[in-house]
Structures are given as C-alpha cells and as structure tokens.
C-alpha atoms as a PDB file:
ATOM      1  CA  UNK A   1      21.115  -0.878  -1.078  1.00  0.00           C
ATOM      2  CA  UNK A   2      20.885   2.690  -3.193  1.00  0.00           C
ATOM      3  CA  UNK A   3      17.375   3.175  -4.968  1.00  0.00           C
ATOM      4  CA  UNK A   4      16.788   5.795  -7.446  1.00  0.00           C
ATOM      5  CA  UNK A   5      13.430   7.704  -6.494  1.00  0.00           C
ATOM      6  CA  UNK A   6      11.229   8.363 -10.332  1.00  0.00           C
ATOM      7  CA  UNK A   7       9.449  10.833  -8.774  1.00  0.00           C
ATOM      8  CA  UNK A   8      10.407  14.475  -6.968  1.00  0.00           C
ATOM      9  CA  UNK A   9      10.873  14.118  -3.623  1.00  0.00           C
ATOM     10  CA  UNK A  10       7.990  16.054  -2.433  1.00  0.00           C
ATOM     11  CA  UNK A  11       5.920  13.674  -4.163  1.00  0.00           C
ATOM     12  CA  UNK A  12       7.807  10.442  -2.855  1.00  0.00           C
ATOM     13  CA  UNK A  13       9.549   9.197  -0.121  1.00  0.00           C
ATOM     14  CA  UNK A  14      12.066   6.222  -0.624  1.00  0.00           C
ATOM     15  CA  UNK A  15      13.064   4.221   2.644  1.00  0.00           C
ATOM     16  CA  UNK A  16      15.582   1.615   2.197  1.00  0.00           C
ATOM     17  CA  UNK A  17      15.160  -1.286   5.078  1.00  0.00           C
ATOM     18  CA  UNK A  18      17.424  -3.335   7.140  1.00  0.00           C
ATOM     19  CA  UNK A  19      18.023  -6.916   5.127  1.00  0.00           C
ATOM     20  CA  UNK A  20      15.643  -9.682   4.756  1.00  0.00           C
ATOM     21  CA  UNK A  21      17.495 -12.757   5.784  1.00  0.00           C
ATOM     22  CA  UNK A  22      13.452 -15.063   5.174  1.00  0.00           C
ATOM     23  CA  UNK A  23      12.969 -13.554   1.644  1.00  0.00           C
ATOM     24  CA  UNK A  24      14.460 -14.235  -2.265  1.00  0.00           C
ATOM     25  CA  UNK A  25      13.997 -10.442  -3.028  1.00  0.00           C
ATOM     26  CA  UNK A  26      12.797  -7.492  -0.568  1.00  0.00           C
ATOM     27  CA  UNK A  27       8.965  -7.012  -0.151  1.00  0.00           C
ATOM     28  CA  UNK A  28       8.104  -3.912  -1.714  1.00  0.00           C
ATOM     29  CA  UNK A  29       5.230  -1.610  -0.571  1.00  0.00           C
ATOM     30  CA  UNK A  30       3.579   1.952  -1.579  1.00  0.00           C
ATOM     31  CA  UNK A  31       2.053   3.765   1.014  1.00  0.00           C
ATOM     32  CA  UNK A  32       0.111   6.153  -0.275  1.00  0.00           C
ATOM     33  CA  UNK A  33      -1.233   8.961   2.716  1.00  0.00           C
ATOM     34  CA  UNK A  34      -2.199  12.865   2.734  1.00  0.00           C
ATOM     35  CA  UNK A  35      -1.708  13.060   6.042  1.00  0.00           C
ATOM     36  CA  UNK A  36       2.531  13.752   6.301  1.00  0.00           C
ATOM     37  CA  UNK A  37       2.452  12.171   9.776  1.00  0.00           C
ATOM     38  CA  UNK A  38       0.220   9.555   8.877  1.00  0.00           C
ATOM     39  CA  UNK A  39       2.210   8.140   6.220  1.00  0.00           C
ATOM     40  CA  UNK A  40       5.250   8.660   8.150  1.00  0.00           C
ATOM     41  CA  UNK A  41       4.522   6.638  11.024  1.00  0.00           C
ATOM     42  CA  UNK A  42       3.717   3.801   8.847  1.00  0.00           C
ATOM     43  CA  UNK A  43       6.787   4.192   6.493  1.00  0.00           C
ATOM     44  CA  UNK A  44       8.638   3.951   9.685  1.00  0.00           C
ATOM     45  CA  UNK A  45       6.998   0.577  11.225  1.00  0.00           C
ATOM     46  CA  UNK A  46       7.247  -0.845   7.722  1.00  0.00           C
ATOM     47  CA  UNK A  47      10.981  -0.223   6.912  1.00  0.00           C
ATOM     48  CA  UNK A  48      11.907  -0.962  10.075  1.00  0.00           C
ATOM     49  CA  UNK A  49       9.901  -4.309  10.347  1.00  0.00           C
ATOM     50  CA  UNK A  50      12.592  -5.038   6.709  1.00  0.00           C
ATOM     51  CA  UNK A  51      10.028  -4.187   4.204  1.00  0.00           C
ATOM     52  CA  UNK A  52      11.280  -1.680   1.047  1.00  0.00           C
ATOM     53  CA  UNK A  53       8.600   0.630   1.952  1.00  0.00           C
ATOM     54  CA  UNK A  54       8.151   3.810  -1.248  1.00  0.00           C
ATOM     55  CA  UNK A  55       5.419   6.778  -0.152  1.00  0.00           C
ATOM     56  CA  UNK A  56       3.411   9.407  -1.890  1.00  0.00           C
ATOM     57  CA  UNK A  57       1.065  11.710  -0.975  1.00  0.00           C
ATOM     58  CA  UNK A  58      -2.488  10.767  -2.839  1.00  0.00           C
ATOM     59  CA  UNK A  59      -3.969   8.429  -4.751  1.00  0.00           C
ATOM     60  CA  UNK A  60      -2.430   9.886  -8.703  1.00  0.00           C
ATOM     61  CA  UNK A  61       0.705  10.299  -7.437  1.00  0.00           C
ATOM     62  CA  UNK A  62      -0.259   6.463  -6.236  1.00  0.00           C
ATOM     63  CA  UNK A  63      -1.548   5.146  -9.459  1.00  0.00           C
ATOM     64  CA  UNK A  64       1.889   7.370 -11.285  1.00  0.00           C
ATOM     65  CA  UNK A  65       4.272   5.022  -8.914  1.00  0.00           C
ATOM     66  CA  UNK A  66       2.097   1.882  -9.437  1.00  0.00           C
ATOM     67  CA  UNK A  67       3.013   2.105 -13.143  1.00  0.00           C
ATOM     68  CA  UNK A  68       6.422   3.020 -12.303  1.00  0.00           C
ATOM     69  CA  UNK A  69       7.434   0.736 -10.373  1.00  0.00           C
ATOM     70  CA  UNK A  70       6.734  -3.182  -8.966  1.00  0.00           C
ATOM     71  CA  UNK A  71       5.013  -3.423  -5.596  1.00  0.00           C
ATOM     72  CA  UNK A  72       3.863  -6.293  -3.756  1.00  0.00           C
ATOM     73  CA  UNK A  73       1.569  -4.281  -1.739  1.00  0.00           C
ATOM     74  CA  UNK A  74      -0.231  -1.022  -1.911  1.00  0.00           C
ATOM     75  CA  UNK A  75      -1.597   0.474   1.920  1.00  0.00           C
ATOM     76  CA  UNK A  76      -3.472   3.577   1.688  1.00  0.00           C
ATOM     77  CA  UNK A  77      -5.598   5.679   2.935  1.00  0.00           C
ATOM     78  CA  UNK A  78      -9.261   6.657   1.659  1.00  0.00           C
ATOM     79  CA  UNK A  79     -10.009  10.258   1.837  1.00  0.00           C
ATOM     80  CA  UNK A  80      -7.516  12.865  -0.337  1.00  0.00           C
ATOM     81  CA  UNK A  81      -7.683  15.436  -2.676  1.00  0.00           C
ATOM     82  CA  UNK A  82      -7.449  14.371  -6.033  1.00  0.00           C
ATOM     83  CA  UNK A  83      -8.150  11.121  -6.292  1.00  0.00           C
ATOM     84  CA  UNK A  84      -8.826   8.630  -3.242  1.00  0.00           C
ATOM     85  CA  UNK A  85      -8.054   5.663  -2.262  1.00  0.00           C
ATOM     86  CA  UNK A  86     -11.370   3.790  -3.921  1.00  0.00           C
ATOM     87  CA  UNK A  87     -10.399   5.346  -7.062  1.00  0.00           C
ATOM     88  CA  UNK A  88      -7.148   4.736  -7.553  1.00  0.00           C
ATOM     89  CA  UNK A  89      -8.727   0.987  -6.726  1.00  0.00           C
ATOM     90  CA  UNK A  90     -10.433   1.435  -9.153  1.00  0.00           C
ATOM     91  CA  UNK A  91      -8.033   1.904 -11.727  1.00  0.00           C
ATOM     92  CA  UNK A  92      -5.738  -0.802 -10.257  1.00  0.00           C
ATOM     93  CA  UNK A  93      -8.759  -3.305 -10.573  1.00  0.00           C
ATOM     94  CA  UNK A  94      -9.530  -1.564 -14.426  1.00  0.00           C
ATOM     95  CA  UNK A  95      -6.028  -2.626 -15.207  1.00  0.00           C
ATOM     96  CA  UNK A  96      -5.775  -5.986 -14.023  1.00  0.00           C
ATOM     97  CA  UNK A  97      -2.968  -5.433 -11.963  1.00  0.00           C
ATOM     98  CA  UNK A  98      -3.097  -8.211  -9.378  1.00  0.00           C
ATOM     99  CA  UNK A  99      -2.029  -6.562  -6.093  1.00  0.00           C
ATOM    100  CA  UNK A 100      -3.456  -6.899  -2.853  1.00  0.00           C
ATOM    101  CA  UNK A 101      -4.549  -3.361  -0.651  1.00  0.00           C
ATOM    102  CA  UNK A 102      -4.679  -2.292   2.917  1.00  0.00           C
ATOM    103  CA  UNK A 103      -6.920   0.225   3.057  1.00  0.00           C
ATOM    104  CA  UNK A 104      -5.738   2.464   6.659  1.00  0.00           C
ATOM    105  CA  UNK A 105      -8.570   4.625   6.813  1.00  0.00           C
ATOM    106  CA  UNK A 106     -11.084   6.723   9.122  1.00  0.00           C
ATOM    107  CA  UNK A 107     -13.796   6.859   6.441  1.00  0.00           C
ATOM    108  CA  UNK A 108     -15.421   3.908   5.384  1.00  0.00           C
ATOM    109  CA  UNK A 109     -16.631   4.401   2.156  1.00  0.00           C
ATOM    110  CA  UNK A 110     -19.499   1.146   2.752  1.00  0.00           C
ATOM    111  CA  UNK A 111     -21.934   2.913  -0.242  1.00  0.00           C
ATOM    112  CA  UNK A 112     -19.231   2.422  -2.668  1.00  0.00           C
ATOM    113  CA  UNK A 113     -18.762  -1.270  -1.988  1.00  0.00           C
ATOM    114  CA  UNK A 114     -22.078  -1.985  -2.297  1.00  0.00           C
ATOM    115  CA  UNK A 115     -22.439  -0.638  -5.378  1.00  0.00           C
ATOM    116  CA  UNK A 116     -19.629  -2.128  -6.891  1.00  0.00           C
ATOM    117  CA  UNK A 117     -18.363  -4.439  -4.831  1.00  0.00           C
ATOM    118  CA  UNK A 118     -14.849  -5.166  -6.588  1.00  0.00           C
ATOM    119  CA  UNK A 119     -13.702  -1.839  -5.225  1.00  0.00           C
ATOM    120  CA  UNK A 120     -13.164  -3.347  -1.581  1.00  0.00           C
ATOM    121  CA  UNK A 121      -9.668  -3.488  -0.826  1.00  0.00           C
ATOM    122  CA  UNK A 122      -8.624  -7.081   0.852  1.00  0.00           C
ATOM    123  CA  UNK A 123      -7.927  -5.600   4.255  1.00  0.00           C
ATOM    124  CA  UNK A 124      -9.848  -2.964   5.944  1.00  0.00           C
ATOM    125  CA  UNK A 125      -7.666  -1.388   8.758  1.00  0.00           C
ATOM    126  CA  UNK A 126      -9.790   1.506  10.744  1.00  0.00           C
ATOM    127  CA  UNK A 127      -7.658   4.460  11.914  1.00  0.00           C
ATOM    128  CA  UNK A 128      -6.776   4.902  14.328  1.00  0.00           C
ATOM    129  CA  UNK A 129      -4.790   1.462  14.920  1.00  0.00           C
ATOM    130  CA  UNK A 130      -1.548   0.180  16.768  1.00  0.00           C
ATOM    131  CA  UNK A 131       1.877  -0.193  15.255  1.00  0.00           C
ATOM    132  CA  UNK A 132       1.142  -4.686  15.519  1.00  0.00           C
ATOM    133  CA  UNK A 133      -1.503  -4.064  13.746  1.00  0.00           C
ATOM    134  CA  UNK A 134      -0.806  -3.050  10.707  1.00  0.00           C
ATOM    135  CA  UNK A 135       1.709  -5.321  10.867  1.00  0.00           C
ATOM    136  CA  UNK A 136      -0.251  -8.130  12.062  1.00  0.00           C
ATOM    137  CA  UNK A 137      -2.858  -7.320   8.806  1.00  0.00           C
ATOM    138  CA  UNK A 138       0.878  -6.431   6.161  1.00  0.00           C
ATOM    139  CA  UNK A 139       2.090 -10.253   7.248  1.00  0.00           C
ATOM    140  CA  UNK A 140      -1.347 -11.032   6.734  1.00  0.00           C
ATOM    141  CA  UNK A 141      -2.233 -10.167   3.133  1.00  0.00           C
ATOM    142  CA  UNK A 142       1.004 -10.646   2.003  1.00  0.00           C
ATOM    143  CA  UNK A 143       0.730 -14.575   3.110  1.00  0.00           C
ATOM    144  CA  UNK A 144      -2.783 -14.721   2.044  1.00  0.00           C
ATOM    145  CA  UNK A 145      -1.596 -12.900  -1.252  1.00  0.00           C
ATOM    146  CA  UNK A 146       1.860 -15.750  -1.355  1.00  0.00           C
ATOM    147  CA  UNK A 147      -0.708 -18.760  -1.354  1.00  0.00           C
ATOM    148  CA  UNK A 148      -2.967 -17.759  -3.818  1.00  0.00           C
ATOM    149  CA  UNK A 149      -0.040 -17.102  -6.081  1.00  0.00           C
ATOM    150  CA  UNK A 150       1.078 -20.950  -5.037  1.00  0.00           C
ATOM    151  CA  UNK A 151      -2.171 -22.408  -5.844  1.00  0.00           C
ATOM    152  CA  UNK A 152      -2.009 -21.224  -9.425  1.00  0.00           C
ATOM    153  CA  UNK A 153       1.498 -21.919  -9.411  1.00  0.00           C
END
C-alpha cells in the first residue's frame, strides 16, 4: 500500500500495516505525542496489529492532520507544546467531528474535565501502560464506536 504524506516527514510519520482480512477498509488511527520514543512505540504496536497509523508530534499538527484526512480514532497525549491534547479535543468538538479519542497521558487534567466535561476523551489510559493495555483499549473504543454508529444508522 502506497501512501502520500501531506506534511513534511519531520511532522508526520506514516506506517503501512500488514493487511487486515476482517475489515472492508483499513482502520485509520492518528497518534499525537510530542515524545518521539513513546509516539514510535505506539505507532509500532498499532501498525503491527493491522491498523493504518499516522503520527504527528503535537496537538497543532494533529489538528492539521484531522482537517486534511479521515481517521477512525485519535490516540493522543495531553501535555504537549503548542497545543495540548485537551485543546485539540476542544477544537474537534467545536467542529462537531464525531471521532473517538483515547488520551494516553501521565498528566490528567481533571480540573478541565470538571469545568468543561464535554472535553473528556472517550478513554484515558494513564502512562505507563503495556502494549496489551493499549491494544485492548483501542479495540474497546473502536467496538463501542461501531455499536454507536450501527444504532444511529
């Protein structure tokens, strides 16, 4: 599978996974994390499980990617320079983009969720977490989102 990158390589990484046989189209996940090692590990784990994964280094680049592409799920850190994960979720919700969000973070912005509960992501996965925890969380959120979509159809 060949893919075109719309952002310079230093801003976006694309990983082409092995083909999935149980899905009519590949599931696309956007990973947003300013820590390169954490971002790469998340990308590797998800891509090795058959997902199409794009990765960016901060919330602003994440927002740009969301406007340019179509994704089924966002996996984002919160505490990042420029635009935090919560700020990216705020823009996502303001734009009425119905997209599930998994926040993987060592810093929980509970004060933001109390003040503005609509900014709370679908799931919060606290760092550190195992690869199995990440995969189980992603599968759970995608399954819940599929269930919601089929109920409204």
